[in-house]
């Protein structure tokens, strides 16, 4: 499925409400952390927001229906459209959530920490940079059978992990 074929038939935001994107860790969590995504989405809807949750996208399309890259393209479009993001606990340890939050912060979209949402505790650019620096201290991703995403990443000549195009 091309990056543009997904967008026309699935628009999660109600154009008449404030749009919020739920960002957080999935990989390595039981049930891909769907319960946390669902709880945040339900709470935000009760508060009157229009919500896009990657967990709901996965359920709507079917988990694994798209490649990791296609999900990222779709999710980044939703991040750009959002009025603000909420960051679920553990966002600092998720490369996907860090990427979403970095895009949001750099384009001037507010990102609130979900566990202290009522206090409007913002995620700052410095917080994202520090979290990204910590990810550099971790071991590089290893290929896992059936994980087509990590299998396509390889170190370049400088030791950086970049997409390996064939």
Protein backbone atom coordinates (compact mmCIF):
# COMPACT_ATOMS: atom_id res chain seq x y z
CA UNK A 1 0.00 0.00 0.00
CA UNK A 2 1.50 3.34 -0.98
CA UNK A 3 1.83 6.12 1.57
CA UNK A 4 -1.03 8.11 0.01
CA UNK A 5 -3.52 5.27 -0.40
CA UNK A 6 -4.08 4.99 3.34
CA UNK A 7 -4.93 8.61 4.10
CA UNK A 8 -8.15 9.12 2.07
CA UNK A 9 -10.17 6.38 3.74
CA UNK A 10 -9.07 6.82 7.34
CA UNK A 11 -9.21 10.28 8.84
CA UNK A 12 -9.30 9.91 12.63
CA UNK A 13 -9.79 13.57 13.53
CA UNK A 14 -13.11 15.38 13.85
CA UNK A 15 -12.47 18.75 12.17
CA UNK A 16 -14.76 20.53 14.65
CA UNK A 17 -12.78 19.64 17.79
CA UNK A 18 -9.26 20.15 19.10
CA UNK A 19 -7.09 17.37 17.69
CA UNK A 20 -4.79 15.38 19.96
CA UNK A 21 -2.38 12.62 19.01
CA UNK A 22 -1.45 10.00 21.61
CA UNK A 23 2.25 9.09 21.49
CA UNK A 24 3.92 6.41 23.53
CA UNK A 25 5.85 3.17 23.61
CA UNK A 26 4.47 0.02 22.00
CA UNK A 27 7.32 -2.34 21.17
CA UNK A 28 8.23 -4.66 24.02
CA UNK A 29 5.06 -3.94 26.00
CA UNK A 30 2.39 -6.51 26.73
CA UNK A 31 -0.41 -6.10 24.14
CA UNK A 32 1.74 -3.40 22.50
CA UNK A 33 0.69 -1.09 25.35
CA UNK A 34 -2.77 -0.84 23.79
CA UNK A 35 -4.52 -0.62 27.20
CA UNK A 36 -2.61 2.58 28.04
CA UNK A 37 -3.36 4.06 24.60
CA UNK A 38 -7.06 3.16 24.92
CA UNK A 39 -7.36 4.59 28.42
CA UNK A 40 -5.77 7.89 27.38
CA UNK A 41 -7.90 8.11 24.22
CA UNK A 42 -11.11 7.44 26.16
CA UNK A 43 -10.24 10.05 28.80
CA UNK A 44 -9.37 12.65 26.15
CA UNK A 45 -12.63 11.99 24.27
CA UNK A 46 -14.58 12.46 27.50
CA UNK A 47 -12.88 15.86 27.78
CA UNK A 48 -14.18 16.74 24.30
CA UNK A 49 -11.08 16.21 22.17
CA UNK A 50 -10.79 14.49 18.80
CA UNK A 51 -8.18 11.76 19.27
CA UNK A 52 -5.83 9.80 17.05
CA UNK A 53 -4.27 6.81 18.76
CA UNK A 54 -1.79 4.52 16.98
CA UNK A 55 -3.36 1.59 18.84
CA UNK A 56 -6.73 2.35 17.26
CA UNK A 57 -5.08 2.73 13.86
CA UNK A 58 -3.53 -0.73 14.28
CA UNK A 59 -6.87 -2.23 15.29
CA UNK A 60 -8.72 -0.49 12.45
CA UNK A 61 -6.29 -1.67 9.79
CA UNK A 62 -5.23 -4.90 11.45
CA UNK A 63 -1.96 -5.23 13.32
CA UNK A 64 0.80 -5.78 10.79
CA UNK A 65 -1.32 -4.61 7.84
CA UNK A 66 1.30 -2.00 6.95
CA UNK A 67 5.05 -1.94 7.09
CA UNK A 68 6.65 -0.06 9.95
CA UNK A 69 7.60 2.68 7.51
CA UNK A 70 4.00 3.03 6.29
CA UNK A 71 2.72 3.31 9.86
CA UNK A 72 5.32 6.00 10.55
CA UNK A 73 4.32 7.98 7.47
CA UNK A 74 0.66 7.82 8.49
CA UNK A 75 1.41 8.67 12.12
CA UNK A 76 3.67 11.61 11.20
CA UNK A 77 0.84 13.08 9.12
CA UNK A 78 -1.42 12.84 12.19
CA UNK A 79 1.28 14.41 14.38
CA UNK A 80 1.54 17.36 11.98
CA UNK A 81 -2.26 17.77 11.91
CA UNK A 82 -2.60 17.63 15.72
CA UNK A 83 -3.23 20.66 17.89
CA UNK A 84 -1.20 18.96 20.63
CA UNK A 85 0.21 15.58 21.62
CA UNK A 86 0.14 13.64 24.86
CA UNK A 87 3.14 11.49 25.71
CA UNK A 88 2.37 8.28 27.57
CA UNK A 89 4.75 7.12 30.30
CA UNK A 90 7.82 5.46 28.81
CA UNK A 91 7.96 7.75 25.76
CA UNK A 92 11.60 8.50 26.59
CA UNK A 93 12.56 4.89 25.83
CA UNK A 94 10.67 4.50 22.56
CA UNK A 95 12.39 5.53 19.33
CA UNK A 96 9.01 5.79 17.58
CA UNK A 97 7.52 8.03 20.27
CA UNK A 98 10.71 10.10 20.39
CA UNK A 99 10.53 10.63 16.63
CA UNK A 100 6.87 11.71 16.83
CA UNK A 101 7.52 14.02 19.76
CA UNK A 102 10.64 15.51 18.19
CA UNK A 103 8.66 16.38 15.04
CA UNK A 104 5.91 17.95 17.14
CA UNK A 105 8.24 19.99 19.33
CA UNK A 106 10.29 21.21 16.35
CA UNK A 107 7.19 22.45 14.49
CA UNK A 108 5.87 24.21 17.60
CA UNK A 109 3.15 21.76 18.62
CA UNK A 110 2.76 21.38 22.38
CA UNK A 111 3.40 17.97 23.89
CA UNK A 112 2.02 17.26 27.36
CA UNK A 113 3.08 14.40 29.61
CA UNK A 114 0.02 12.23 30.07
CA UNK A 115 0.69 11.18 33.65
CA UNK A 116 0.61 14.87 34.71
CA UNK A 117 -1.72 16.19 32.01
CA UNK A 118 -3.81 18.24 34.45
CA UNK A 119 -0.66 20.21 35.40
CA UNK A 120 0.21 20.91 31.75
CA UNK A 121 3.72 19.52 32.19
CA UNK A 122 5.21 20.04 28.76
CA UNK A 123 7.77 17.86 27.04
CA UNK A 124 10.55 20.20 26.00
CA UNK A 125 13.08 19.99 23.19
CA UNK A 126 15.85 19.53 25.78
CA UNK A 127 14.00 16.56 27.28
CA UNK A 128 13.75 14.94 23.84
CA UNK A 129 17.44 15.57 23.10
CA UNK A 130 18.47 14.05 26.45
CA UNK A 131 16.27 11.00 25.80
CA UNK A 132 17.71 10.61 22.31
CA UNK A 133 21.24 10.82 23.71
CA UNK A 134 20.40 7.99 26.12
CA UNK A 135 19.21 5.84 23.22
CA UNK A 136 22.69 6.20 21.70
CA UNK A 137 24.10 4.51 24.79
CA UNK A 138 22.00 1.44 24.21
CA UNK A 139 22.96 -1.50 22.10
CA UNK A 140 21.96 -1.10 18.46
CA UNK A 141 18.82 -2.92 17.32
CA UNK A 142 19.26 -6.57 16.45
CA UNK A 143 17.27 -8.50 13.90
CA UNK A 144 14.42 -10.52 15.36
CA UNK A 145 12.86 -13.26 13.24
CA UNK A 146 9.75 -11.86 11.61
CA UNK A 147 10.74 -8.24 12.35
CA UNK A 148 11.29 -6.77 8.92
CA UNK A 149 11.90 -3.33 10.37
CA UNK A 150 15.08 -4.01 12.34
CA UNK A 151 16.41 -6.34 9.64
CA UNK A 152 16.74 -3.39 7.28
CA UNK A 153 18.85 -1.22 9.58
CA UNK A 154 22.63 -1.51 9.42
CA UNK A 155 25.53 0.59 10.69
CA UNK A 156 27.18 2.87 8.15
CA UNK A 157 30.92 3.50 7.94
CA UNK A 158 30.72 5.91 10.87
CA UNK A 159 28.87 3.50 13.14
CA UNK A 160 25.55 5.32 12.81
CA UNK A 161 22.41 3.27 12.30
CA UNK A 162 20.80 4.18 9.02
CA UNK A 163 18.37 2.61 6.61
CA UNK A 164 20.14 0.07 4.42
CA UNK A 165 18.71 0.34 0.93
CA UNK A 166 19.17 -2.62 -1.34
